[in-house]
């Protein structure tokens, strides 16, 4: 995994560029967004690229990214953990959200040997997001 690949991932995520994400993310990617069931519509496990696309679409419909800052990147084996902070805006309420986050990525080679995101885990303050989304 390279820092450039991680930066490309975050840029494509910010831009909603699903074509770029399809080149970065494995077709059988798994997303795990941790939080109490039902608190946010996207909490849970999403398996496969189409489920990943639906997950991101749900998040993008509810939130606008204002800023995401990577404070530390820690790599061990196939895993890369990003510690950071971000600011989002809830589209329905126009409330700002500022929270810390931890994103964990597991990388694996595809059939051509190219490194891709095989798993993406999100740990953040789901209660703050839920409060900002509530009318």
C-alpha atoms as a PDB file:
ATOM      1  CA  UNK A   1       0.000   0.000   0.000  1.00  0.00           C
ATOM      2  CA  UNK A   2       1.275   3.419  -0.852  1.00  0.00           C
ATOM      3  CA  UNK A   3       0.438   6.780   0.654  1.00  0.00           C
ATOM      4  CA  UNK A   4      -0.505   7.872  -2.880  1.00  0.00           C
ATOM      5  CA  UNK A   5      -3.156   5.122  -3.098  1.00  0.00           C
ATOM      6  CA  UNK A   6      -4.635   6.215   0.222  1.00  0.00           C
ATOM      7  CA  UNK A   7      -4.671   9.859  -0.908  1.00  0.00           C
ATOM      8  CA  UNK A   8      -6.323   8.809  -4.189  1.00  0.00           C
ATOM      9  CA  UNK A   9      -8.952   6.917  -2.183  1.00  0.00           C
ATOM     10  CA  UNK A  10      -9.812   9.928  -0.016  1.00  0.00           C
ATOM     11  CA  UNK A  11      -9.892  12.260  -3.045  1.00  0.00           C
ATOM     12  CA  UNK A  12     -12.243   9.933  -4.949  1.00  0.00           C
ATOM     13  CA  UNK A  13     -14.400   9.556  -1.838  1.00  0.00           C
ATOM     14  CA  UNK A  14     -14.623  13.341  -1.403  1.00  0.00           C
ATOM     15  CA  UNK A  15     -15.479  13.825  -5.090  1.00  0.00           C
ATOM     16  CA  UNK A  16     -17.928  10.924  -5.283  1.00  0.00           C
ATOM     17  CA  UNK A  17     -15.856   9.538  -8.168  1.00  0.00           C
ATOM     18  CA  UNK A  18     -17.128   5.963  -8.376  1.00  0.00           C
ATOM     19  CA  UNK A  19     -15.033   5.218 -11.480  1.00  0.00           C
ATOM     20  CA  UNK A  20     -11.837   6.016  -9.570  1.00  0.00           C
ATOM     21  CA  UNK A  21     -13.107   4.124  -6.518  1.00  0.00           C
ATOM     22  CA  UNK A  22     -13.782   1.067  -8.700  1.00  0.00           C
ATOM     23  CA  UNK A  23     -10.073   1.066  -9.629  1.00  0.00           C
ATOM     24  CA  UNK A  24      -8.988   1.434  -5.980  1.00  0.00           C
ATOM     25  CA  UNK A  25     -11.490  -0.831  -4.213  1.00  0.00           C
ATOM     26  CA  UNK A  26     -11.808  -4.581  -4.671  1.00  0.00           C
ATOM     27  CA  UNK A  27     -15.027  -5.825  -6.347  1.00  0.00           C
ATOM     28  CA  UNK A  28     -15.715  -7.878  -3.200  1.00  0.00           C
ATOM     29  CA  UNK A  29     -14.891  -5.060  -0.748  1.00  0.00           C
ATOM     30  CA  UNK A  30     -16.407  -5.199   2.732  1.00  0.00           C
ATOM     31  CA  UNK A  31     -17.353  -2.033   4.613  1.00  0.00           C
ATOM     32  CA  UNK A  32     -17.960  -2.123   8.354  1.00  0.00           C
ATOM     33  CA  UNK A  33     -19.414   1.092   9.766  1.00  0.00           C
ATOM     34  CA  UNK A  34     -19.601   0.657  13.520  1.00  0.00           C
ATOM     35  CA  UNK A  35     -22.375   2.044  15.685  1.00  0.00           C
ATOM     36  CA  UNK A  36     -25.656   1.124  17.341  1.00  0.00           C
ATOM     37  CA  UNK A  37     -28.026  -0.515  14.843  1.00  0.00           C
ATOM     38  CA  UNK A  38     -30.560   1.953  13.476  1.00  0.00           C
ATOM     39  CA  UNK A  39     -28.778   5.066  14.764  1.00  0.00           C
ATOM     40  CA  UNK A  40     -27.581   5.973  11.270  1.00  0.00           C
ATOM     41  CA  UNK A  41     -28.987   4.412   8.100  1.00  0.00           C
ATOM     42  CA  UNK A  42     -25.564   3.239   6.960  1.00  0.00           C
ATOM     43  CA  UNK A  43     -24.394   1.545  10.182  1.00  0.00           C
ATOM     44  CA  UNK A  44     -23.611  -2.107   9.541  1.00  0.00           C
ATOM     45  CA  UNK A  45     -21.773  -4.376   7.131  1.00  0.00           C
ATOM     46  CA  UNK A  46     -21.859  -3.778   3.382  1.00  0.00           C
ATOM     47  CA  UNK A  47     -20.373  -6.507   1.149  1.00  0.00           C
ATOM     48  CA  UNK A  48     -19.414  -6.141  -2.508  1.00  0.00           C
ATOM     49  CA  UNK A  49     -18.869  -3.080  -4.673  1.00  0.00           C
ATOM     50  CA  UNK A  50     -22.581  -2.426  -5.324  1.00  0.00           C
ATOM     51  CA  UNK A  51     -23.300  -2.475  -1.577  1.00  0.00           C
ATOM     52  CA  UNK A  52     -20.287  -0.188  -1.098  1.00  0.00           C
ATOM     53  CA  UNK A  53     -21.716   2.190  -3.736  1.00  0.00           C
ATOM     54  CA  UNK A  54     -25.136   2.196  -1.993  1.00  0.00           C
ATOM     55  CA  UNK A  55     -23.425   2.842   1.361  1.00  0.00           C
ATOM     56  CA  UNK A  56     -21.501   5.816  -0.029  1.00  0.00           C
ATOM     57  CA  UNK A  57     -24.569   7.158  -1.827  1.00  0.00           C
ATOM     58  CA  UNK A  58     -26.553   7.095   1.436  1.00  0.00           C
ATOM     59  CA  UNK A  59     -23.781   8.941   3.244  1.00  0.00           C
ATOM     60  CA  UNK A  60     -23.346  11.492   0.410  1.00  0.00           C
ATOM     61  CA  UNK A  61     -27.102  12.179   0.311  1.00  0.00           C
ATOM     62  CA  UNK A  62     -27.064  13.009   4.024  1.00  0.00           C
ATOM     63  CA  UNK A  63     -23.654  14.648   4.505  1.00  0.00           C
ATOM     64  CA  UNK A  64     -21.320  16.998   2.728  1.00  0.00           C
ATOM     65  CA  UNK A  65     -17.606  16.703   3.438  1.00  0.00           C
ATOM     66  CA  UNK A  66     -16.149  20.011   4.580  1.00  0.00           C
ATOM     67  CA  UNK A  67     -12.720  18.748   5.589  1.00  0.00           C
ATOM     68  CA  UNK A  68     -10.946  15.503   6.436  1.00  0.00           C
ATOM     69  CA  UNK A  69      -7.476  15.663   7.979  1.00  0.00           C
ATOM     70  CA  UNK A  70      -5.225  12.628   8.279  1.00  0.00           C
ATOM     71  CA  UNK A  71      -3.305  13.089  11.536  1.00  0.00           C
ATOM     72  CA  UNK A  72      -1.466   9.763  11.565  1.00  0.00           C
ATOM     73  CA  UNK A  73      -1.155   6.780   9.254  1.00  0.00           C
ATOM     74  CA  UNK A  74      -0.087   3.505  10.848  1.00  0.00           C
ATOM     75  CA  UNK A  75       0.696   0.422   8.765  1.00  0.00           C
ATOM     76  CA  UNK A  76       1.082  -3.174   9.911  1.00  0.00           C
ATOM     77  CA  UNK A  77       0.962  -6.082   7.480  1.00  0.00           C
ATOM     78  CA  UNK A  78      -2.067  -5.755   5.175  1.00  0.00           C
ATOM     79  CA  UNK A  79      -3.670  -3.104   7.410  1.00  0.00           C
ATOM     80  CA  UNK A  80      -3.390   0.666   7.367  1.00  0.00           C
ATOM     81  CA  UNK A  81      -5.078   2.707  10.094  1.00  0.00           C
ATOM     82  CA  UNK A  82      -5.752   6.397   9.621  1.00  0.00           C
ATOM     83  CA  UNK A  83      -6.328   8.533  12.700  1.00  0.00           C
ATOM     84  CA  UNK A  84      -7.874  11.851  11.861  1.00  0.00           C
ATOM     85  CA  UNK A  85     -10.541  14.412  12.276  1.00  0.00           C
ATOM     86  CA  UNK A  86     -13.182  15.773  10.006  1.00  0.00           C
ATOM     87  CA  UNK A  87     -15.937  18.260   9.497  1.00  0.00           C
ATOM     88  CA  UNK A  88     -19.141  17.470   7.672  1.00  0.00           C
ATOM     89  CA  UNK A  89     -22.390  19.340   7.080  1.00  0.00           C
ATOM     90  CA  UNK A  90     -25.744  17.606   7.473  1.00  0.00           C
ATOM     91  CA  UNK A  91     -27.573  18.500   4.257  1.00  0.00           C
ATOM     92  CA  UNK A  92     -31.113  18.360   5.686  1.00  0.00           C
ATOM     93  CA  UNK A  93     -30.419  20.480   8.767  1.00  0.00           C
ATOM     94  CA  UNK A  94     -27.336  22.468   7.683  1.00  0.00           C
ATOM     95  CA  UNK A  95     -25.733  21.579  11.030  1.00  0.00           C
ATOM     96  CA  UNK A  96     -21.977  21.198  11.160  1.00  0.00           C
ATOM     97  CA  UNK A  97     -20.374  18.072  12.574  1.00  0.00           C
ATOM     98  CA  UNK A  98     -16.796  18.003  13.848  1.00  0.00           C
ATOM     99  CA  UNK A  99     -15.519  14.666  15.125  1.00  0.00           C
ATOM    100  CA  UNK A 100     -12.446  12.494  15.355  1.00  0.00           C
ATOM    101  CA  UNK A 101     -12.383   9.352  13.282  1.00  0.00           C
ATOM    102  CA  UNK A 102     -10.421   6.193  12.753  1.00  0.00           C
ATOM    103  CA  UNK A 103     -10.494   4.468   9.393  1.00  0.00           C
ATOM    104  CA  UNK A 104      -8.937   1.038   8.995  1.00  0.00           C
ATOM    105  CA  UNK A 105      -8.115  -0.347   5.561  1.00  0.00           C
ATOM    106  CA  UNK A 106      -7.115  -3.880   4.658  1.00  0.00           C
ATOM    107  CA  UNK A 107      -5.319  -4.082   1.341  1.00  0.00           C
ATOM    108  CA  UNK A 108      -5.037  -7.165  -0.835  1.00  0.00           C
ATOM    109  CA  UNK A 109      -3.713  -7.775  -4.339  1.00  0.00           C
ATOM    110  CA  UNK A 110      -6.203  -8.366  -7.135  1.00  0.00           C
ATOM    111  CA  UNK A 111      -5.761 -11.045  -9.824  1.00  0.00           C
ATOM    112  CA  UNK A 112      -3.245  -8.825 -11.647  1.00  0.00           C
ATOM    113  CA  UNK A 113      -1.266  -8.238  -8.445  1.00  0.00           C
ATOM    114  CA  UNK A 114      -2.393  -4.624  -8.036  1.00  0.00           C
ATOM    115  CA  UNK A 115      -3.029  -3.582  -4.427  1.00  0.00           C
ATOM    116  CA  UNK A 116      -6.667  -2.645  -3.706  1.00  0.00           C
ATOM    117  CA  UNK A 117      -8.854  -1.859  -0.690  1.00  0.00           C
ATOM    118  CA  UNK A 118     -10.409  -5.174   0.380  1.00  0.00           C
ATOM    119  CA  UNK A 119     -11.956  -3.968   3.639  1.00  0.00           C
ATOM    120  CA  UNK A 120     -12.822  -0.544   5.026  1.00  0.00           C
ATOM    121  CA  UNK A 121     -13.793  -0.010   8.670  1.00  0.00           C
ATOM    122  CA  UNK A 122     -15.108   3.257  10.082  1.00  0.00           C
ATOM    123  CA  UNK A 123     -15.005   4.144  13.770  1.00  0.00           C
ATOM    124  CA  UNK A 124     -16.409   7.565  14.678  1.00  0.00           C
ATOM    125  CA  UNK A 125     -18.802   9.423  16.963  1.00  0.00           C
ATOM    126  CA  UNK A 126     -22.075   8.159  15.524  1.00  0.00           C
ATOM    127  CA  UNK A 127     -24.161   9.927  18.195  1.00  0.00           C
ATOM    128  CA  UNK A 128     -22.876  13.325  17.043  1.00  0.00           C
ATOM    129  CA  UNK A 129     -23.746  12.473  13.435  1.00  0.00           C
ATOM    130  CA  UNK A 130     -27.225  11.272  14.468  1.00  0.00           C
ATOM    131  CA  UNK A 131     -27.911  14.442  16.479  1.00  0.00           C
ATOM    132  CA  UNK A 132     -26.909  16.659  13.544  1.00  0.00           C
ATOM    133  CA  UNK A 133     -29.136  14.734  11.137  1.00  0.00           C
ATOM    134  CA  UNK A 134     -32.195  14.851  13.406  1.00  0.00           C
ATOM    135  CA  UNK A 135     -34.704  17.574  12.368  1.00  0.00           C
END
